[in-house]
Amino acid sequence: MEQIIDKYLKELTDVQLNKLPTKIVTEMAAPHQDENEEWRIWNPVKSQVTDIEIEEF
C-alpha cells in the first residue's frame, strides 16, 4: 500500500501539483518558501495510519 501511495505522491510533486493558495500546516509546509508568494508548497508526511487500520476501515 505504501509503495502505491508513494508512487502517486511522487507523480504529484513532479508536476508541482502540491501547491495550494492558502496557508499550509507547519508539519507539511515545504521549508524555505517566500512568505510573499500566494501559492504555498506542501510536502507529504509519513502516515500515522497502519495497513491493518486501513483494512479494518
N, C-alpha and C. Protein backbone atom coordinates (compact mmCIF):
# COMPACT_ATOMS: atom_id res chain seq x y z
N MET A 1 0.83 -1.19 0.00
CA MET A 1 0.00 0.00 0.00
C MET A 1 0.88 1.26 0.00
N GLU A 2 1.90 1.25 0.86
CA GLU A 2 2.77 2.42 0.97
C GLU A 2 3.46 2.73 -0.36
N GLN A 3 3.87 1.70 -1.07
CA GLN A 3 4.55 1.90 -2.36
C GLN A 3 3.61 2.55 -3.38
N ILE A 4 2.35 2.17 -3.37
CA ILE A 4 1.37 2.74 -4.30
C ILE A 4 1.17 4.22 -3.99
N ILE A 5 0.99 4.53 -2.73
CA ILE A 5 0.78 5.93 -2.33
C ILE A 5 2.01 6.76 -2.66
N ASP A 6 3.20 6.24 -2.34
CA ASP A 6 4.44 6.97 -2.63
C ASP A 6 4.59 7.24 -4.13
N LYS A 7 4.22 6.27 -4.93
CA LYS A 7 4.32 6.43 -6.39
C LYS A 7 3.47 7.62 -6.86
N TYR A 8 2.24 7.68 -6.41
CA TYR A 8 1.34 8.75 -6.87
C TYR A 8 1.68 10.11 -6.23
N LEU A 9 2.17 10.10 -5.01
CA LEU A 9 2.62 11.35 -4.41
C LEU A 9 3.82 11.91 -5.18
N LYS A 10 4.71 11.03 -5.61
CA LYS A 10 5.85 11.48 -6.39
C LYS A 10 5.39 12.08 -7.71
N GLU A 11 4.42 11.45 -8.36
CA GLU A 11 3.89 12.00 -9.61
C GLU A 11 3.30 13.39 -9.39
N LEU A 12 2.59 13.57 -8.30
CA LEU A 12 2.01 14.88 -7.98
C LEU A 12 3.08 15.94 -7.78
N THR A 13 4.09 15.58 -7.00
CA THR A 13 5.13 16.57 -6.72
C THR A 13 6.01 16.84 -7.94
N ASP A 14 6.19 15.84 -8.80
CA ASP A 14 6.99 16.02 -10.02
C ASP A 14 6.40 17.09 -10.94
N VAL A 15 5.09 17.19 -10.96
CA VAL A 15 4.43 18.19 -11.82
C VAL A 15 3.90 19.37 -11.00
N GLN A 16 4.39 19.47 -9.77
CA GLN A 16 4.09 20.58 -8.87
C GLN A 16 2.60 20.77 -8.58
N LEU A 17 1.91 19.66 -8.43
CA LEU A 17 0.50 19.74 -8.02
C LEU A 17 0.36 19.74 -6.50
N ASN A 18 1.47 19.95 -5.83
CA ASN A 18 1.46 20.03 -4.37
C ASN A 18 1.54 21.49 -3.92
N LYS A 19 0.75 22.33 -4.57
CA LYS A 19 0.69 23.74 -4.22
C LYS A 19 -0.76 24.14 -3.96
N LEU A 20 -0.94 24.99 -2.98
CA LEU A 20 -2.27 25.50 -2.65
C LEU A 20 -2.19 27.00 -2.39
N PRO A 21 -3.25 27.73 -2.73
CA PRO A 21 -3.25 29.18 -2.48
C PRO A 21 -3.73 29.49 -1.06
N THR A 22 -3.10 28.87 -0.09
CA THR A 22 -3.52 29.03 1.30
C THR A 22 -2.37 28.66 2.23
N LYS A 23 -2.55 28.91 3.50
CA LYS A 23 -1.53 28.53 4.48
C LYS A 23 -1.51 27.01 4.62
N ILE A 24 -0.32 26.46 4.75
CA ILE A 24 -0.12 25.02 4.91
C ILE A 24 0.30 24.76 6.36
N VAL A 25 -0.24 23.70 6.96
CA VAL A 25 0.15 23.38 8.33
C VAL A 25 1.66 23.17 8.40
N THR A 26 2.24 23.56 9.49
CA THR A 26 3.69 23.56 9.65
C THR A 26 4.33 22.22 9.32
N GLU A 27 3.73 21.14 9.76
CA GLU A 27 4.30 19.80 9.54
C GLU A 27 4.41 19.45 8.06
N MET A 28 3.55 20.04 7.23
CA MET A 28 3.54 19.71 5.81
C MET A 28 4.18 20.79 4.93
N ALA A 29 4.41 21.95 5.47
CA ALA A 29 4.93 23.07 4.67
C ALA A 29 6.36 22.82 4.25
N ALA A 30 6.63 23.07 2.97
CA ALA A 30 8.00 22.95 2.48
C ALA A 30 8.84 24.06 3.10
N PRO A 31 10.08 23.74 3.47
CA PRO A 31 10.93 24.77 4.07
C PRO A 31 11.40 25.79 3.03
N HIS A 32 11.82 26.93 3.51
CA HIS A 32 12.45 27.96 2.67
C HIS A 32 11.53 28.50 1.58
N GLN A 33 10.29 28.79 1.93
CA GLN A 33 9.35 29.37 0.97
C GLN A 33 9.31 30.88 1.14
N ASP A 34 9.04 31.56 0.06
CA ASP A 34 8.89 33.01 0.09
C ASP A 34 7.53 33.33 0.72
N GLU A 35 7.56 34.01 1.84
CA GLU A 35 6.32 34.33 2.56
C GLU A 35 5.39 35.24 1.75
N ASN A 36 5.91 35.91 0.74
CA ASN A 36 5.10 36.81 -0.08
C ASN A 36 4.36 36.10 -1.20
N GLU A 37 4.72 34.86 -1.46
CA GLU A 37 4.05 34.08 -2.51
C GLU A 37 2.68 33.62 -2.02
N GLU A 38 1.68 33.76 -2.87
CA GLU A 38 0.33 33.31 -2.51
C GLU A 38 0.23 31.79 -2.48
N TRP A 39 0.79 31.12 -3.48
CA TRP A 39 0.72 29.67 -3.58
C TRP A 39 1.81 29.06 -2.72
N ARG A 40 1.41 28.15 -1.83
CA ARG A 40 2.32 27.52 -0.88
C ARG A 40 2.54 26.06 -1.26
N ILE A 41 3.74 25.57 -1.05
CA ILE A 41 4.09 24.19 -1.38
C ILE A 41 3.95 23.32 -0.13
N TRP A 42 3.28 22.19 -0.30
CA TRP A 42 3.18 21.23 0.80
C TRP A 42 3.96 19.98 0.44
N ASN A 43 4.49 19.33 1.44
CA ASN A 43 5.21 18.07 1.26
C ASN A 43 4.44 16.96 1.95
N PRO A 44 4.42 15.78 1.35
CA PRO A 44 3.77 14.65 2.03
C PRO A 44 4.49 14.32 3.33
N VAL A 45 3.75 13.83 4.29
CA VAL A 45 4.32 13.39 5.56
C VAL A 45 3.99 11.92 5.76
N LYS A 46 4.79 11.25 6.54
CA LYS A 46 4.56 9.84 6.81
C LYS A 46 3.24 9.66 7.56
N SER A 47 2.44 8.75 7.10
CA SER A 47 1.14 8.49 7.71
C SER A 47 1.29 7.83 9.07
N GLN A 48 0.38 8.17 9.95
CA GLN A 48 0.32 7.54 11.26
C GLN A 48 -0.64 6.35 11.25
N VAL A 49 -1.28 6.11 10.12
CA VAL A 49 -2.26 5.04 9.98
C VAL A 49 -1.54 3.78 9.50
N THR A 50 -1.88 2.65 10.08
CA THR A 50 -1.26 1.39 9.69
C THR A 50 -2.08 0.70 8.60
N ASP A 51 -1.47 -0.25 7.91
CA ASP A 51 -2.18 -1.02 6.90
C ASP A 51 -3.34 -1.78 7.54
N ILE A 52 -3.15 -2.28 8.73
CA ILE A 52 -4.22 -3.01 9.42
C ILE A 52 -5.42 -2.09 9.68
N GLU A 53 -5.16 -0.86 10.10
CA GLU A 53 -6.24 0.10 10.33
C GLU A 53 -6.99 0.39 9.03
N ILE A 54 -6.28 0.50 7.94
CA ILE A 54 -6.92 0.73 6.65
C ILE A 54 -7.80 -0.45 6.26
N GLU A 55 -7.26 -1.65 6.43
CA GLU A 55 -8.02 -2.86 6.11
C GLU A 55 -9.28 -2.97 6.98
N GLU A 56 -9.17 -2.60 8.25
CA GLU A 56 -10.31 -2.65 9.15
C GLU A 56 -11.38 -1.63 8.78
N PHE A 57 -10.94 -0.53 8.20
CA PHE A 57 -11.86 0.52 7.80
C PHE A 57 -12.73 0.03 6.67
